[in-house]
PDB file of all heavy atoms in Angstrom:
ATOM      1  N   SER A   1     112.608 119.729 110.647  1.00  0.00           N
ATOM      2  CA  SER A   1     113.002 120.634 111.736  1.00  0.00           C
ATOM      3  C   SER A   1     113.942 121.747 111.283  1.00  0.00           C
ATOM      4  O   SER A   1     114.878 122.113 111.993  1.00  0.00           O
ATOM      5  CB  SER A   1     113.649 119.840 112.880  1.00  0.00           C
ATOM      6  OG  SER A   1     112.744 118.904 113.397  1.00  0.00           O
ATOM      7  N   ILE A   2     113.710 122.279 110.080  1.00  0.00           N
ATOM      8  CA  ILE A   2     114.502 123.442 109.649  1.00  0.00           C
ATOM      9  C   ILE A   2     113.777 124.690 110.129  1.00  0.00           C
ATOM     10  O   ILE A   2     113.369 125.546 109.352  1.00  0.00           O
ATOM     11  CB  ILE A   2     114.698 123.448 108.118  1.00  0.00           C
ATOM     12  CG1 ILE A   2     115.226 122.104 107.657  1.00  0.00           C
ATOM     13  CG2 ILE A   2     115.662 124.536 107.700  1.00  0.00           C
ATOM     14  CD1 ILE A   2     115.679 122.029 106.236  1.00  0.00           C
ATOM     15  N   LYS A   3     113.630 124.778 111.418  1.00  0.00           N
ATOM     16  CA  LYS A   3     112.945 125.926 112.006  1.00  0.00           C
ATOM     17  C   LYS A   3     113.932 127.010 112.429  1.00  0.00           C
ATOM     18  O   LYS A   3     113.531 128.089 112.832  1.00  0.00           O
ATOM     19  CB  LYS A   3     112.107 125.476 113.202  1.00  0.00           C
ATOM     20  CG  LYS A   3     110.965 124.544 112.797  1.00  0.00           C
ATOM     21  CD  LYS A   3     110.120 124.142 113.992  1.00  0.00           C
ATOM     22  CE  LYS A   3     109.002 123.201 113.559  1.00  0.00           C
ATOM     23  NZ  LYS A   3     108.145 122.790 114.693  1.00  0.00           N
ATOM     24  N   SER A   4     115.226 126.681 112.328  1.00  0.00           N
ATOM     25  CA  SER A   4     116.245 127.674 112.666  1.00  0.00           C
ATOM     26  C   SER A   4     116.665 128.495 111.449  1.00  0.00           C
ATOM     27  O   SER A   4     117.627 129.253 111.508  1.00  0.00           O
ATOM     28  CB  SER A   4     117.467 126.977 113.269  1.00  0.00           C
ATOM     29  OG  SER A   4     118.022 126.054 112.338  1.00  0.00           O
ATOM     30  N   LEU A   5     115.915 128.349 110.351  1.00  0.00           N
ATOM     31  CA  LEU A   5     116.227 129.043 109.116  1.00  0.00           C
ATOM     32  C   LEU A   5     116.283 130.552 109.346  1.00  0.00           C
ATOM     33  O   LEU A   5     115.388 131.132 109.961  1.00  0.00           O
ATOM     34  CB  LEU A   5     115.150 128.716 108.068  1.00  0.00           C
ATOM     35  CG  LEU A   5     115.502 128.907 106.593  1.00  0.00           C
ATOM     36  CD1 LEU A   5     116.564 127.899 106.189  1.00  0.00           C
ATOM     37  CD2 LEU A   5     114.255 128.722 105.747  1.00  0.00           C
ATOM     38  N   LYS A   6     117.333 131.204 108.836  1.00  0.00           N
ATOM     39  CA  LYS A   6     117.481 132.651 109.011  1.00  0.00           C
ATOM     40  C   LYS A   6     117.207 133.428 107.734  1.00  0.00           C
ATOM     41  O   LYS A   6     116.868 134.612 107.781  1.00  0.00           O
ATOM     42  CB  LYS A   6     118.891 132.975 109.530  1.00  0.00           C
ATOM     43  CG  LYS A   6     119.118 132.484 110.950  1.00  0.00           C
ATOM     44  CD  LYS A   6     120.408 133.019 111.524  1.00  0.00           C
ATOM     45  CE  LYS A   6     120.551 132.606 112.981  1.00  0.00           C
ATOM     46  NZ  LYS A   6     121.787 133.156 113.600  1.00  0.00           N
ATOM     47  N   TYR A   7     117.390 132.789 106.568  1.00  0.00           N
ATOM     48  CA  TYR A   7     117.117 133.437 105.284  1.00  0.00           C
ATOM     49  C   TYR A   7     116.219 132.549 104.454  1.00  0.00           C
ATOM     50  O   TYR A   7     116.456 131.348 104.311  1.00  0.00           O
ATOM     51  CB  TYR A   7     118.408 133.718 104.519  1.00  0.00           C
ATOM     52  CG  TYR A   7     118.160 134.116 103.067  1.00  0.00           C
ATOM     53  CD1 TYR A   7     117.889 135.427 102.731  1.00  0.00           C
ATOM     54  CD2 TYR A   7     118.167 133.159 102.061  1.00  0.00           C
ATOM     55  CE1 TYR A   7     117.639 135.790 101.421  1.00  0.00           C
ATOM     56  CE2 TYR A   7     117.922 133.498 100.742  1.00  0.00           C
ATOM     57  CZ  TYR A   7     117.654 134.825 100.428  1.00  0.00           C
ATOM     58  OH  TYR A   7     117.392 135.168  99.116  1.00  0.00           O
ATOM     59  N   LEU A   8     115.172 133.121 103.874  1.00  0.00           N
ATOM     60  CA  LEU A   8     114.287 132.389 102.966  1.00  0.00           C
ATOM     61  C   LEU A   8     114.005 133.250 101.749  1.00  0.00           C
ATOM     62  O   LEU A   8     113.516 134.385 101.849  1.00  0.00           O
ATOM     63  CB  LEU A   8     112.967 132.045 103.666  1.00  0.00           C
ATOM     64  CG  LEU A   8     111.882 131.387 102.797  1.00  0.00           C
ATOM     65  CD1 LEU A   8     112.393 130.052 102.235  1.00  0.00           C
ATOM     66  CD2 LEU A   8     110.608 131.160 103.609  1.00  0.00           C
ATOM     67  N   GLY A   9     114.373 132.751 100.558  1.00  0.00           N
ATOM     68  CA  GLY A   9     114.112 133.438  99.298  1.00  0.00           C
ATOM     69  C   GLY A   9     113.150 132.629  98.453  1.00  0.00           C
ATOM     70  O   GLY A   9     113.354 131.431  98.234  1.00  0.00           O
ATOM     71  N   ILE A  10     112.078 133.260  97.993  1.00  0.00           N
ATOM     72  CA  ILE A  10     111.041 132.576  97.200  1.00  0.00           C
ATOM     73  C   ILE A  10     110.911 133.308  95.867  1.00  0.00           C
ATOM     74  O   ILE A  10     110.588 134.502  95.836  1.00  0.00           O
ATOM     75  CB  ILE A  10     109.699 132.578  97.953  1.00  0.00           C
ATOM     76  CG1 ILE A  10     109.858 131.859  99.306  1.00  0.00           C
ATOM     77  CG2 ILE A  10     108.606 131.914  97.124  1.00  0.00           C
ATOM     78  CD1 ILE A  10     108.669 132.033 100.223  1.00  0.00           C
ATOM     79  N   PHE A  11     111.157 132.613  94.754  1.00  0.00           N
ATOM     80  CA  PHE A  11     111.238 133.253  93.452  1.00  0.00           C
ATOM     81  C   PHE A  11     110.400 132.513  92.407  1.00  0.00           C
ATOM     82  O   PHE A  11     110.366 131.283  92.371  1.00  0.00           O
ATOM     83  CB  PHE A  11     112.699 133.294  92.964  1.00  0.00           C
ATOM     84  CG  PHE A  11     113.656 133.953  93.924  1.00  0.00           C
ATOM     85  CD1 PHE A  11     114.323 133.204  94.881  1.00  0.00           C
ATOM     86  CD2 PHE A  11     113.874 135.319  93.888  1.00  0.00           C
ATOM     87  CE1 PHE A  11     115.208 133.795  95.765  1.00  0.00           C
ATOM     88  CE2 PHE A  11     114.758 135.924  94.765  1.00  0.00           C
ATOM     89  CZ  PHE A  11     115.416 135.159  95.701  1.00  0.00           C
ATOM     90  N   ASP A  12     109.742 133.286  91.558  1.00  0.00           N
ATOM     91  CA  ASP A  12     109.121 132.763  90.333  1.00  0.00           C
ATOM     92  C   ASP A  12     108.101 131.653  90.585  1.00  0.00           C
ATOM     93  O   ASP A  12     108.023 130.671  89.825  1.00  0.00           O
ATOM     94  CB  ASP A  12     110.184 132.251  89.356  1.00  0.00           C
ATOM     95  CG  ASP A  12     111.105 133.366  88.909  1.00  0.00           C
ATOM     96  OD1 ASP A  12     110.602 134.376  88.392  1.00  0.00           O
ATOM     97  OD2 ASP A  12     112.326 133.251  89.081  1.00  0.00           O
ATOM     98  N   LEU A  13     107.297 131.809  91.626  1.00  0.00           N
ATOM     99  CA  LEU A  13     106.178 130.882  91.827  1.00  0.00           C
ATOM    100  C   LEU A  13     104.972 131.464  91.110  1.00  0.00           C
ATOM    101  O   LEU A  13     104.176 132.200  91.683  1.00  0.00           O
ATOM    102  CB  LEU A  13     105.898 130.702  93.333  1.00  0.00           C
ATOM    103  CG  LEU A  13     107.021 130.058  94.142  1.00  0.00           C
ATOM    104  CD1 LEU A  13     106.619 129.922  95.589  1.00  0.00           C
ATOM    105  CD2 LEU A  13     107.381 128.692  93.583  1.00  0.00           C
ATOM    106  N   THR A  14     104.846 131.138  89.844  1.00  0.00           N
ATOM    107  CA  THR A  14     103.887 131.830  88.982  1.00  0.00           C
ATOM    108  C   THR A  14     102.430 131.507  89.283  1.00  0.00           C
ATOM    109  O   THR A  14     101.540 132.253  88.881  1.00  0.00           O
ATOM    110  CB  THR A  14     104.192 131.491  87.510  1.00  0.00           C
ATOM    111  OG1 THR A  14     104.148 130.061  87.340  1.00  0.00           O
ATOM    112  CG2 THR A  14     105.563 132.000  87.114  1.00  0.00           C
ATOM    113  N   LYS A  15     102.162 130.389  89.977  1.00  0.00           N
ATOM    114  CA  LYS A  15     100.777 130.012  90.258  1.00  0.00           C
ATOM    115  C   LYS A  15     100.413 130.157  91.729  1.00  0.00           C
ATOM    116  O   LYS A  15      99.278 129.875  92.120  1.00  0.00           O
ATOM    117  CB  LYS A  15     100.519 128.573  89.803  1.00  0.00           C
ATOM    118  CG  LYS A  15     100.658 128.387  88.299  1.00  0.00           C
ATOM    119  CD  LYS A  15     100.318 126.960  87.885  1.00  0.00           C
ATOM    120  CE  LYS A  15     100.468 126.778  86.373  1.00  0.00           C
ATOM    121  NZ  LYS A  15     100.132 125.398  85.979  1.00  0.00           N
ATOM    122  N   LEU A  16     101.337 130.592  92.523  1.00  0.00           N
ATOM    123  CA  LEU A  16     101.092 130.688  93.963  1.00  0.00           C
ATOM    124  C   LEU A  16     100.155 131.859  94.287  1.00  0.00           C
ATOM    125  O   LEU A  16     100.352 132.970  93.825  1.00  0.00           O
ATOM    126  CB  LEU A  16     102.420 130.892  94.688  1.00  0.00           C
ATOM    127  CG  LEU A  16     102.370 130.828  96.206  1.00  0.00           C
ATOM    128  CD1 LEU A  16     102.114 129.398  96.666  1.00  0.00           C
ATOM    129  CD2 LEU A  16     103.665 131.345  96.811  1.00  0.00           C
ATOM    130  N   ARG A  17      99.118 131.601  95.107  1.00  0.00           N
ATOM    131  CA  ARG A  17      98.165 132.645  95.488  1.00  0.00           C
ATOM    132  C   ARG A  17      98.268 133.018  96.962  1.00  0.00           C
ATOM    133  O   ARG A  17      97.891 134.126  97.344  1.00  0.00           O
ATOM    134  CB  ARG A  17      96.741 132.225  95.152  1.00  0.00           C
ATOM    135  CG  ARG A  17      96.510 132.093  93.649  1.00  0.00           C
ATOM    136  CD  ARG A  17      95.053 131.933  93.319  1.00  0.00           C
ATOM    137  NE  ARG A  17      94.841 131.922  91.877  1.00  0.00           N
ATOM    138  CZ  ARG A  17      94.728 132.998  91.114  1.00  0.00           C
ATOM    139  NH1 ARG A  17      94.805 134.188  91.672  1.00  0.00           N
ATOM    140  NH2 ARG A  17      94.562 132.890  89.817  1.00  0.00           N
ATOM    141  N   TYR A  18      98.747 132.136  97.786  1.00  0.00           N
ATOM    142  CA  TYR A  18      98.965 132.449  99.192  1.00  0.00           C
ATOM    143  C   TYR A  18     100.002 131.481  99.756  1.00  0.00           C
ATOM    144  O   TYR A  18     100.267 130.428  99.183  1.00  0.00           O
ATOM    145  CB  TYR A  18      97.659 132.367 100.005  1.00  0.00           C
ATOM    146  CG  TYR A  18      97.016 131.009 100.005  1.00  0.00           C
ATOM    147  CD1 TYR A  18      97.336 130.074 100.990  1.00  0.00           C
ATOM    148  CD2 TYR A  18      96.075 130.656  99.040  1.00  0.00           C
ATOM    149  CE1 TYR A  18      96.754 128.826 100.994  1.00  0.00           C
ATOM    150  CE2 TYR A  18      95.483 129.412  99.040  1.00  0.00           C
ATOM    151  CZ  TYR A  18      95.829 128.488 100.017  1.00  0.00           C
ATOM    152  OH  TYR A  18      95.237 127.258 100.021  1.00  0.00           O
ATOM    153  N   PHE A  19     100.598 131.860 100.867  1.00  0.00           N
ATOM    154  CA  PHE A  19     101.614 131.042 101.500  1.00  0.00           C
ATOM    155  C   PHE A  19     101.006 130.141 102.563  1.00  0.00           C
ATOM    156  O   PHE A  19     100.001 130.499 103.183  1.00  0.00           O
ATOM    157  CB  PHE A  19     102.687 131.923 102.148  1.00  0.00           C
ATOM    158  CG  PHE A  19     103.534 132.639 101.142  1.00  0.00           C
ATOM    159  CD1 PHE A  19     103.672 134.021 101.214  1.00  0.00           C
ATOM    160  CD2 PHE A  19     104.190 131.958 100.158  1.00  0.00           C
ATOM    161  CE1 PHE A  19     104.442 134.694 100.288  1.00  0.00           C
ATOM    162  CE2 PHE A  19     104.975 132.619  99.226  1.00  0.00           C
ATOM    163  CZ  PHE A  19     105.100 133.989  99.308  1.00  0.00           C
ATOM    164  N   PRO A  20     101.621 128.999 102.815  1.00  0.00           N
ATOM    165  CA  PRO A  20     101.122 128.117 103.867  1.00  0.00           C
ATOM    166  C   PRO A  20     101.416 128.701 105.242  1.00  0.00           C
ATOM    167  O   PRO A  20     102.451 129.321 105.473  1.00  0.00           O
ATOM    168  CB  PRO A  20     101.915 126.827 103.641  1.00  0.00           C
ATOM    169  CG  PRO A  20     103.166 127.257 102.958  1.00  0.00           C
ATOM    170  CD  PRO A  20     102.781 128.422 102.094  1.00  0.00           C
ATOM    171  N   THR A  21     100.511 128.502 106.164  1.00  0.00           N
ATOM    172  CA  THR A  21     100.680 129.058 107.511  1.00  0.00           C
ATOM    173  C   THR A  21     101.877 128.456 108.239  1.00  0.00           C
ATOM    174  O   THR A  21     102.358 129.033 109.217  1.00  0.00           O
ATOM    175  CB  THR A  21      99.410 128.816 108.346  1.00  0.00           C
ATOM    176  OG1 THR A  21      99.127 127.411 108.348  1.00  0.00           O
ATOM    177  CG2 THR A  21      98.237 129.573 107.763  1.00  0.00           C
ATOM    178  N   GLN A  22     102.384 127.316 107.749  1.00  0.00           N
ATOM    179  CA  GLN A  22     103.532 126.704 108.418  1.00  0.00           C
ATOM    180  C   GLN A  22     104.761 127.619 108.412  1.00  0.00           C
ATOM    181  O   GLN A  22     105.646 127.490 109.263  1.00  0.00           O
ATOM    182  CB  GLN A  22     103.911 125.372 107.729  1.00  0.00           C
ATOM    183  CG  GLN A  22     102.842 124.295 107.868  1.00  0.00           C
ATOM    184  CD  GLN A  22     101.937 124.288 106.646  1.00  0.00           C
ATOM    185  OE1 GLN A  22     101.551 125.336 106.151  1.00  0.00           O
ATOM    186  NE2 GLN A  22     101.602 123.090 106.193  1.00  0.00           N
ATOM    187  N   LEU A  23     104.811 128.541 107.446  1.00  0.00           N
ATOM    188  CA  LEU A  23     105.958 129.449 107.397  1.00  0.00           C
ATOM    189  C   LEU A  23     106.054 130.316 108.646  1.00  0.00           C
ATOM    190  O   LEU A  23     107.121 130.833 108.975  1.00  0.00           O
ATOM    191  CB  LEU A  23     105.874 130.344 106.149  1.00  0.00           C
ATOM    192  CG  LEU A  23     106.221 129.691 104.813  1.00  0.00           C
ATOM    193  CD1 LEU A  23     106.046 130.678 103.682  1.00  0.00           C
ATOM    194  CD2 LEU A  23     107.652 129.175 104.833  1.00  0.00           C
ATOM    195  N   LEU A  24     104.959 130.488 109.314  1.00  0.00           N
ATOM    196  CA  LEU A  24     104.957 131.305 110.517  1.00  0.00           C
ATOM    197  C   LEU A  24     105.709 130.647 111.668  1.00  0.00           C
ATOM    198  O   LEU A  24     105.956 131.287 112.690  1.00  0.00           O
ATOM    199  CB  LEU A  24     103.525 131.615 110.942  1.00  0.00           C
ATOM    200  CG  LEU A  24     102.762 132.515 109.966  1.00  0.00           C
ATOM    201  CD1 LEU A  24     101.298 132.571 110.354  1.00  0.00           C
ATOM    202  CD2 LEU A  24     103.358 133.895 109.935  1.00  0.00           C
ATOM    203  N   ASN A  25     106.062 129.372 111.504  1.00  0.00           N
ATOM    204  CA  ASN A  25     106.814 128.681 112.541  1.00  0.00           C
ATOM    205  C   ASN A  25     108.303 128.962 112.464  1.00  0.00           C
ATOM    206  O   ASN A  25     109.071 128.482 113.297  1.00  0.00           O
ATOM    207  CB  ASN A  25     106.575 127.166 112.430  1.00  0.00           C
ATOM    208  CG  ASN A  25     105.140 126.782 112.744  1.00  0.00           C
ATOM    209  OD1 ASN A  25     104.519 127.380 113.625  1.00  0.00           O
ATOM    210  ND2 ASN A  25     104.601 125.831 112.012  1.00  0.00           N
ATOM    211  N   LEU A  26     108.731 129.738 111.457  1.00  0.00           N
ATOM    212  CA  LEU A  26     110.149 130.059 111.303  1.00  0.00           C
ATOM    213  C   LEU A  26     110.505 131.231 112.217  1.00  0.00           C
ATOM    214  O   LEU A  26     110.751 132.353 111.776  1.00  0.00           O
ATOM    215  CB  LEU A  26     110.459 130.391 109.843  1.00  0.00           C
ATOM    216  CG  LEU A  26     110.165 129.264 108.832  1.00  0.00           C
ATOM    217  CD1 LEU A  26     110.398 129.731 107.416  1.00  0.00           C
ATOM    218  CD2 LEU A  26     111.047 128.040 109.136  1.00  0.00           C
ATOM    219  N   THR A  27     110.542 130.965 113.489  1.00  0.00           N
ATOM    220  CA  THR A  27     110.696 132.040 114.483  1.00  0.00           C
ATOM    221  C   THR A  27     112.088 132.649 114.490  1.00  0.00           C
ATOM    222  O   THR A  27     112.285 133.719 115.065  1.00  0.00           O
ATOM    223  CB  THR A  27     110.361 131.517 115.883  1.00  0.00           C
ATOM    224  OG1 THR A  27     111.179 130.374 116.155  1.00  0.00           O
ATOM    225  CG2 THR A  27     108.894 131.133 115.965  1.00  0.00           C
TER     226      THR A  27
END
């Protein structure tokens, strides 16, 4: 339930091609 997150930093994910749709729940 960390849906109240206000800052998200994503760094150096060298194999990542797309983000999970769950991130859209960070309203």
